[in-house]
């Protein structure tokens, strides 16, 4: 299970209560995280030094990519498509703990985080299967 980042919760609140305008990104970018702290949204993303060939995966922001939270009792969305990362061409083994959704292909803002655990070795192509990443609107 995952949740929205503090950054994105603030954006939603400001928008809902008329403090600012907001246009969601047309694409999100999934990144593999080796550490994530829910208390302050700090994270460590996989690097090309430990995962040769690493890049975030572009995800169109639409109903093809995600399920509809309106049809969920607890406002949860899941991935409705597989997310396929590049093949790991070298480097040391990498243990991923979470997947982060960002608003940019590099850098950018963390939008949401979902738990996903996998050790990736040279020659592996990480694939996140349909329905394996869930994001829930939670009170915090």
N, C-alpha and C. Protein backbone atom coordinates (compact mmCIF):
# COMPACT_ATOMS: atom_id res chain seq x y z
N UNK A 1 0.84 -1.17 0.00
CA UNK A 1 0.00 0.00 0.00
C UNK A 1 0.89 1.23 0.00
N UNK A 2 0.41 2.30 -0.53
CA UNK A 2 1.17 3.54 -0.57
C UNK A 2 0.28 4.73 -0.28
N UNK A 3 0.89 5.89 -0.33
CA UNK A 3 0.11 7.09 -0.07
C UNK A 3 0.68 8.28 -0.85
N UNK A 4 -0.04 9.37 -0.77
CA UNK A 4 0.39 10.60 -1.43
C UNK A 4 1.48 11.27 -0.60
N UNK A 5 2.37 11.95 -1.28
CA UNK A 5 3.44 12.67 -0.59
C UNK A 5 2.88 13.91 0.10
N UNK A 6 3.64 14.43 1.05
CA UNK A 6 3.25 15.67 1.73
C UNK A 6 3.12 16.81 0.73
N UNK A 7 4.06 16.88 -0.20
CA UNK A 7 4.02 17.91 -1.25
C UNK A 7 2.68 17.88 -1.97
N UNK A 8 2.26 16.69 -2.40
CA UNK A 8 1.04 16.59 -3.20
C UNK A 8 -0.21 16.82 -2.36
N UNK A 9 -0.21 16.39 -1.10
CA UNK A 9 -1.34 16.66 -0.21
C UNK A 9 -1.54 18.16 -0.04
N UNK A 10 -0.44 18.89 0.09
CA UNK A 10 -0.54 20.36 0.22
C UNK A 10 -1.11 20.96 -1.07
N UNK A 11 -0.65 20.47 -2.21
CA UNK A 11 -1.18 20.96 -3.50
C UNK A 11 -2.68 20.73 -3.59
N UNK A 12 -3.14 19.54 -3.20
CA UNK A 12 -4.56 19.21 -3.25
C UNK A 12 -5.35 20.13 -2.32
N UNK A 13 -4.89 20.29 -1.08
CA UNK A 13 -5.59 21.15 -0.13
C UNK A 13 -5.68 22.58 -0.65
N UNK A 14 -4.57 23.12 -1.14
CA UNK A 14 -4.58 24.49 -1.65
C UNK A 14 -5.55 24.64 -2.81
N UNK A 15 -5.61 23.64 -3.67
CA UNK A 15 -6.52 23.69 -4.81
C UNK A 15 -7.99 23.57 -4.37
N UNK A 16 -8.29 22.59 -3.54
CA UNK A 16 -9.67 22.34 -3.11
C UNK A 16 -10.25 23.54 -2.37
N UNK A 17 -9.42 24.22 -1.59
CA UNK A 17 -9.92 25.35 -0.79
C UNK A 17 -9.65 26.69 -1.44
N UNK A 18 -9.41 26.69 -2.77
CA UNK A 18 -9.37 27.91 -3.54
C UNK A 18 -8.15 28.78 -3.35
N UNK A 19 -7.08 28.24 -2.80
CA UNK A 19 -5.89 29.05 -2.55
C UNK A 19 -4.96 29.14 -3.75
N UNK A 20 -5.11 28.23 -4.68
CA UNK A 20 -4.25 28.22 -5.86
C UNK A 20 -4.91 27.40 -6.97
N UNK A 21 -4.47 27.62 -8.19
CA UNK A 21 -4.93 26.76 -9.28
C UNK A 21 -3.99 25.56 -9.35
N UNK A 22 -4.44 24.52 -9.99
CA UNK A 22 -3.60 23.32 -10.10
C UNK A 22 -3.95 22.58 -11.37
N UNK A 23 -2.94 22.24 -12.12
CA UNK A 23 -3.09 21.41 -13.31
C UNK A 23 -2.23 20.18 -13.12
N UNK A 24 -2.85 18.98 -13.03
CA UNK A 24 -2.03 17.78 -12.85
C UNK A 24 -1.15 17.54 -14.07
N UNK A 25 0.01 16.90 -13.85
CA UNK A 25 0.89 16.62 -14.99
C UNK A 25 0.24 15.65 -15.97
N UNK A 26 0.59 15.78 -17.23
CA UNK A 26 0.03 14.86 -18.23
C UNK A 26 0.71 13.49 -18.16
N UNK A 27 1.89 13.44 -17.54
CA UNK A 27 2.60 12.18 -17.33
C UNK A 27 3.18 12.16 -15.92
N UNK A 28 3.22 10.97 -15.36
CA UNK A 28 3.99 10.72 -14.15
C UNK A 28 5.18 9.86 -14.56
N UNK A 29 6.16 9.76 -13.66
CA UNK A 29 7.35 8.97 -13.94
C UNK A 29 7.62 8.10 -12.72
N UNK A 30 7.60 6.78 -12.93
CA UNK A 30 7.84 5.84 -11.83
C UNK A 30 9.34 5.67 -11.65
N UNK A 31 9.77 5.77 -10.40
CA UNK A 31 11.17 5.58 -10.06
C UNK A 31 11.31 4.53 -8.97
N UNK A 32 12.39 3.79 -9.01
CA UNK A 32 12.65 2.74 -8.02
C UNK A 32 13.40 3.33 -6.83
N UNK A 33 12.90 3.10 -5.62
CA UNK A 33 13.49 3.65 -4.41
C UNK A 33 14.09 2.53 -3.57
N UNK A 34 15.25 2.79 -3.01
CA UNK A 34 15.88 1.82 -2.12
C UNK A 34 15.63 2.16 -0.65
N UNK A 35 15.08 3.33 -0.40
CA UNK A 35 14.71 3.74 0.96
C UNK A 35 13.64 4.83 0.87
N UNK A 36 12.72 4.82 1.84
CA UNK A 36 11.70 5.85 1.91
C UNK A 36 11.29 6.04 3.37
N UNK A 37 11.22 7.30 3.81
CA UNK A 37 10.81 7.63 5.17
C UNK A 37 9.47 8.36 5.11
N UNK A 38 8.42 7.71 5.58
CA UNK A 38 7.07 8.27 5.53
C UNK A 38 6.94 9.53 6.39
N UNK A 39 7.78 9.69 7.40
CA UNK A 39 7.66 10.83 8.31
C UNK A 39 8.05 12.16 7.67
N UNK A 40 8.97 12.12 6.70
CA UNK A 40 9.38 13.38 6.07
C UNK A 40 9.50 13.29 4.54
N UNK A 41 9.04 12.19 3.97
CA UNK A 41 9.08 11.97 2.52
C UNK A 41 10.49 11.93 1.95
N UNK A 42 11.50 11.70 2.80
CA UNK A 42 12.86 11.55 2.26
C UNK A 42 12.97 10.18 1.59
N UNK A 43 13.79 10.10 0.58
CA UNK A 43 13.94 8.84 -0.18
C UNK A 43 15.31 8.77 -0.80
N UNK A 44 15.69 7.55 -1.17
CA UNK A 44 16.90 7.32 -1.95
C UNK A 44 16.47 6.57 -3.21
N UNK A 45 16.74 7.17 -4.34
CA UNK A 45 16.38 6.55 -5.62
C UNK A 45 17.56 5.76 -6.15
N UNK A 46 17.28 4.69 -6.88
CA UNK A 46 18.30 3.90 -7.56
C UNK A 46 19.11 4.84 -8.45
N UNK A 47 20.39 4.57 -8.58
CA UNK A 47 21.26 5.40 -9.43
C UNK A 47 21.83 4.55 -10.56
N UNK A 48 22.31 5.22 -11.58
CA UNK A 48 22.91 4.50 -12.69
C UNK A 48 24.22 3.83 -12.28
N UNK A 49 24.83 4.25 -11.17
CA UNK A 49 26.05 3.61 -10.68
C UNK A 49 25.81 2.20 -10.17
N UNK A 50 24.65 1.98 -9.55
CA UNK A 50 24.34 0.64 -9.04
C UNK A 50 23.43 -0.13 -10.00
N UNK A 51 22.82 0.56 -10.95
CA UNK A 51 21.88 -0.05 -11.90
C UNK A 51 22.17 0.56 -13.26
N UNK A 52 23.16 0.01 -13.95
CA UNK A 52 23.49 0.52 -15.28
C UNK A 52 22.27 0.36 -16.19
N UNK A 53 21.88 1.45 -16.84
CA UNK A 53 20.72 1.44 -17.72
C UNK A 53 19.44 1.94 -17.06
N UNK A 54 19.53 2.34 -15.78
CA UNK A 54 18.34 2.78 -15.05
C UNK A 54 17.76 4.07 -15.61
N UNK A 55 16.45 4.13 -15.67
CA UNK A 55 15.71 5.34 -16.01
C UNK A 55 14.30 5.20 -15.45
N UNK A 56 13.71 6.31 -15.07
CA UNK A 56 12.31 6.30 -14.66
C UNK A 56 11.44 5.92 -15.85
N UNK A 57 10.27 5.39 -15.53
CA UNK A 57 9.33 4.94 -16.56
C UNK A 57 8.20 5.96 -16.69
N UNK A 58 7.95 6.41 -17.92
CA UNK A 58 6.87 7.37 -18.16
C UNK A 58 5.51 6.68 -18.09
N UNK A 59 4.57 7.32 -17.37
CA UNK A 59 3.23 6.77 -17.22
C UNK A 59 2.23 7.86 -17.57
N UNK A 60 1.46 7.69 -18.65
CA UNK A 60 0.44 8.69 -18.96
C UNK A 60 -0.56 8.83 -17.80
N UNK A 61 -0.92 10.04 -17.48
CA UNK A 61 -1.86 10.31 -16.39
C UNK A 61 -3.28 10.23 -16.95
N UNK A 62 -3.82 8.99 -16.99
CA UNK A 62 -5.16 8.80 -17.53
C UNK A 62 -5.78 7.50 -16.99
N UNK A 63 -7.00 7.22 -17.40
CA UNK A 63 -7.72 6.04 -16.90
C UNK A 63 -7.20 4.74 -17.48
N UNK A 64 -6.33 4.81 -18.47
CA UNK A 64 -5.71 3.61 -18.99
C UNK A 64 -4.59 3.14 -18.07
N UNK A 65 -3.92 4.09 -17.41
CA UNK A 65 -2.78 3.78 -16.55
C UNK A 65 -3.18 3.43 -15.13
N UNK A 66 -4.31 3.99 -14.64
CA UNK A 66 -4.72 3.82 -13.25
C UNK A 66 -6.19 3.44 -13.16
N UNK A 67 -6.53 2.72 -12.09
CA UNK A 67 -7.93 2.40 -11.83
C UNK A 67 -8.63 3.65 -11.29
N UNK A 68 -9.92 3.62 -11.24
CA UNK A 68 -10.74 4.75 -10.82
C UNK A 68 -11.01 4.68 -9.31
N UNK A 69 -10.52 5.64 -8.54
CA UNK A 69 -10.72 5.66 -7.09
C UNK A 69 -12.19 5.83 -6.72
N UNK A 70 -12.97 6.40 -7.62
CA UNK A 70 -14.39 6.61 -7.35
C UNK A 70 -15.12 5.28 -7.12
N UNK A 71 -14.63 4.24 -7.73
CA UNK A 71 -15.25 2.92 -7.58
C UNK A 71 -14.63 2.11 -6.45
N UNK A 72 -13.82 2.76 -5.62
CA UNK A 72 -13.16 2.11 -4.50
C UNK A 72 -13.76 2.62 -3.19
N UNK A 73 -14.02 1.72 -2.26
CA UNK A 73 -14.59 2.12 -0.97
C UNK A 73 -13.65 2.99 -0.15
N UNK A 74 -12.35 2.85 -0.33
CA UNK A 74 -11.40 3.60 0.49
C UNK A 74 -10.52 4.54 -0.33
N UNK A 75 -11.02 5.00 -1.49
CA UNK A 75 -10.32 5.97 -2.34
C UNK A 75 -8.93 5.47 -2.76
N UNK A 76 -8.82 4.20 -3.09
CA UNK A 76 -7.55 3.61 -3.51
C UNK A 76 -7.52 3.49 -5.03
N UNK A 77 -6.38 3.83 -5.61
CA UNK A 77 -6.15 3.56 -7.03
C UNK A 77 -5.01 2.55 -7.13
N UNK A 78 -4.99 1.81 -8.22
CA UNK A 78 -3.89 0.89 -8.50
C UNK A 78 -3.45 1.08 -9.94
N UNK A 79 -2.28 0.53 -10.24
CA UNK A 79 -1.81 0.60 -11.63
C UNK A 79 -2.64 -0.35 -12.49
N UNK A 80 -3.13 0.17 -13.59
CA UNK A 80 -3.96 -0.61 -14.52
C UNK A 80 -3.15 -1.11 -15.70
N UNK A 81 -1.87 -0.79 -15.72
CA UNK A 81 -0.94 -1.27 -16.75
C UNK A 81 0.33 -1.76 -16.09
N UNK A 82 1.06 -2.61 -16.79
CA UNK A 82 2.39 -2.99 -16.32
C UNK A 82 3.34 -1.81 -16.48
N UNK A 83 4.24 -1.68 -15.54
CA UNK A 83 5.32 -0.70 -15.65
C UNK A 83 6.60 -1.48 -15.87
N UNK A 84 7.27 -1.27 -17.01
CA UNK A 84 8.47 -2.01 -17.37
C UNK A 84 9.68 -1.09 -17.34
N UNK A 85 10.61 -1.42 -16.45
CA UNK A 85 11.84 -0.65 -16.34
C UNK A 85 12.89 -1.23 -17.29
N UNK A 86 13.93 -0.47 -17.59
CA UNK A 86 14.99 -0.99 -18.46
C UNK A 86 15.72 -2.18 -17.82
N UNK A 87 16.31 -3.00 -18.66
CA UNK A 87 17.12 -4.13 -18.19
C UNK A 87 18.33 -3.58 -17.42
N UNK A 88 18.63 -4.19 -16.30
CA UNK A 88 19.81 -3.82 -15.50
C UNK A 88 21.03 -4.42 -16.19
N UNK A 89 21.89 -3.55 -16.71
CA UNK A 89 23.03 -4.00 -17.51
C UNK A 89 24.30 -4.23 -16.72
N UNK A 90 24.31 -3.85 -15.47
CA UNK A 90 25.51 -4.04 -14.67
C UNK A 90 25.37 -3.33 -13.34
N UNK A 91 26.42 -3.38 -12.56
CA UNK A 91 26.39 -2.78 -11.22
C UNK A 91 26.10 -3.85 -10.19
N UNK A 92 26.07 -3.43 -8.94
CA UNK A 92 25.82 -4.36 -7.84
C UNK A 92 24.32 -4.66 -7.73
N UNK A 93 23.97 -5.71 -6.98
CA UNK A 93 22.56 -6.00 -6.74
C UNK A 93 21.91 -4.81 -6.05
N UNK A 94 20.65 -4.55 -6.38
CA UNK A 94 19.91 -3.42 -5.83
C UNK A 94 18.64 -3.96 -5.19
N UNK A 95 18.41 -3.61 -3.93
CA UNK A 95 17.17 -4.00 -3.26
C UNK A 95 16.23 -2.80 -3.22
N UNK A 96 15.14 -2.91 -3.95
CA UNK A 96 14.14 -1.86 -4.04
C UNK A 96 13.09 -2.10 -2.96
N UNK A 97 12.66 -1.02 -2.30
CA UNK A 97 11.64 -1.13 -1.25
C UNK A 97 10.33 -0.44 -1.63
N UNK A 98 10.42 0.55 -2.52
CA UNK A 98 9.24 1.33 -2.89
C UNK A 98 9.35 1.79 -4.35
N UNK A 99 8.23 2.21 -4.88
CA UNK A 99 8.19 2.88 -6.17
C UNK A 99 7.63 4.28 -5.92
N UNK A 100 8.33 5.28 -6.42
CA UNK A 100 7.87 6.66 -6.30
C UNK A 100 7.30 7.15 -7.61
N UNK A 101 6.23 7.92 -7.53
CA UNK A 101 5.68 8.59 -8.71
C UNK A 101 6.17 10.04 -8.66
N UNK A 102 6.79 10.50 -9.73
CA UNK A 102 7.34 11.84 -9.81
C UNK A 102 6.67 12.61 -10.94
N UNK A 103 6.83 13.94 -10.91
CA UNK A 103 6.24 14.76 -11.96
C UNK A 103 7.26 15.15 -13.04
N UNK A 104 8.43 14.50 -13.02
CA UNK A 104 9.47 14.79 -14.00
C UNK A 104 10.31 13.54 -14.24
N UNK A 105 10.88 13.44 -15.44
CA UNK A 105 11.70 12.29 -15.80
C UNK A 105 12.97 12.23 -14.95
N UNK A 106 13.49 13.38 -14.53
CA UNK A 106 14.61 13.44 -13.59
C UNK A 106 14.29 14.54 -12.58
N UNK A 107 14.77 14.38 -11.36
CA UNK A 107 14.48 15.39 -10.33
C UNK A 107 12.99 15.48 -10.10
N UNK A 108 12.47 16.70 -10.04
CA UNK A 108 11.04 16.91 -9.89
C UNK A 108 10.54 16.65 -8.48
N UNK A 109 9.24 16.61 -8.35
CA UNK A 109 8.58 16.43 -7.07
C UNK A 109 8.05 15.02 -6.90
N UNK A 110 8.21 14.49 -5.71
CA UNK A 110 7.62 13.19 -5.37
C UNK A 110 6.12 13.41 -5.17
N UNK A 111 5.30 12.66 -5.90
CA UNK A 111 3.85 12.80 -5.86
C UNK A 111 3.23 11.74 -4.95
N UNK A 112 3.66 10.51 -5.09
CA UNK A 112 3.12 9.41 -4.31
C UNK A 112 4.16 8.30 -4.21
N UNK A 113 3.97 7.42 -3.23
CA UNK A 113 4.89 6.31 -3.00
C UNK A 113 4.08 5.06 -2.72
N UNK A 114 4.51 3.95 -3.28
CA UNK A 114 3.87 2.66 -3.02
C UNK A 114 4.94 1.64 -2.65
N UNK A 115 4.61 0.75 -1.73
CA UNK A 115 5.54 -0.31 -1.35
C UNK A 115 5.67 -1.32 -2.48
N UNK A 116 6.91 -1.72 -2.74
CA UNK A 116 7.19 -2.75 -3.74
C UNK A 116 8.60 -3.25 -3.45
N UNK A 117 8.73 -4.51 -3.13
CA UNK A 117 10.02 -5.06 -2.70
C UNK A 117 10.55 -6.04 -3.73
N UNK A 118 11.80 -5.79 -4.15
CA UNK A 118 12.43 -6.70 -5.11
C UNK A 118 13.93 -6.45 -5.12
N UNK A 119 14.70 -7.53 -5.21
CA UNK A 119 16.14 -7.42 -5.42
C UNK A 119 16.39 -7.58 -6.92
N UNK A 120 17.10 -6.62 -7.48
CA UNK A 120 17.34 -6.59 -8.93
C UNK A 120 18.81 -6.88 -9.18
N UNK A 121 19.05 -7.87 -10.03
CA UNK A 121 20.41 -8.28 -10.37
C UNK A 121 20.68 -7.97 -11.83
N UNK A 122 21.94 -8.01 -12.21
CA UNK A 122 22.32 -7.78 -13.60
C UNK A 122 21.55 -8.74 -14.51
N UNK A 123 20.97 -8.20 -15.58
CA UNK A 123 20.18 -8.99 -16.52
C UNK A 123 18.69 -8.98 -16.23
N UNK A 124 18.31 -8.53 -15.03
CA UNK A 124 16.88 -8.45 -14.68
C UNK A 124 16.23 -7.25 -15.35
N UNK A 125 14.97 -7.42 -15.68
CA UNK A 125 14.14 -6.31 -16.16
C UNK A 125 12.96 -6.21 -15.20
N UNK A 126 13.00 -5.25 -14.27
CA UNK A 126 11.89 -5.13 -13.32
C UNK A 126 10.58 -4.79 -14.04
N UNK A 127 9.56 -5.56 -13.71
CA UNK A 127 8.22 -5.32 -14.25
C UNK A 127 7.25 -5.30 -13.08
N UNK A 128 6.51 -4.23 -12.97
CA UNK A 128 5.49 -4.14 -11.94
C UNK A 128 4.17 -4.52 -12.59
N UNK A 129 3.64 -5.63 -12.14
CA UNK A 129 2.44 -6.19 -12.75
C UNK A 129 1.20 -5.36 -12.43
N UNK A 130 0.19 -5.51 -13.25
CA UNK A 130 -1.08 -4.80 -13.06
C UNK A 130 -1.62 -5.06 -11.66
N UNK A 131 -2.03 -4.00 -10.99
CA UNK A 131 -2.66 -4.11 -9.68
C UNK A 131 -1.70 -4.27 -8.51
N UNK A 132 -0.39 -4.21 -8.74
CA UNK A 132 0.58 -4.43 -7.66
C UNK A 132 0.97 -3.17 -6.90
N UNK A 133 0.68 -1.98 -7.46
CA UNK A 133 0.96 -0.72 -6.75
C UNK A 133 -0.35 -0.05 -6.39
N UNK A 134 -0.56 0.19 -5.12
CA UNK A 134 -1.78 0.85 -4.66
C UNK A 134 -1.43 2.15 -3.95
N UNK A 135 -2.22 3.17 -4.23
CA UNK A 135 -2.08 4.46 -3.57
C UNK A 135 -3.44 4.77 -2.95
N UNK A 136 -3.40 5.10 -1.66
CA UNK A 136 -4.63 5.36 -0.91
C UNK A 136 -4.60 6.75 -0.33
N UNK A 137 -5.72 7.45 -0.40
CA UNK A 137 -5.83 8.73 0.26
C UNK A 137 -6.01 8.45 1.74
N UNK A 138 -5.02 8.84 2.55
CA UNK A 138 -5.06 8.55 3.98
C UNK A 138 -5.02 9.85 4.78
N UNK A 139 -5.49 9.78 6.00
CA UNK A 139 -5.41 10.91 6.92
C UNK A 139 -4.08 10.90 7.62
N UNK A 140 -3.29 11.94 7.42
CA UNK A 140 -2.01 12.07 8.14
C UNK A 140 -1.53 13.50 8.05
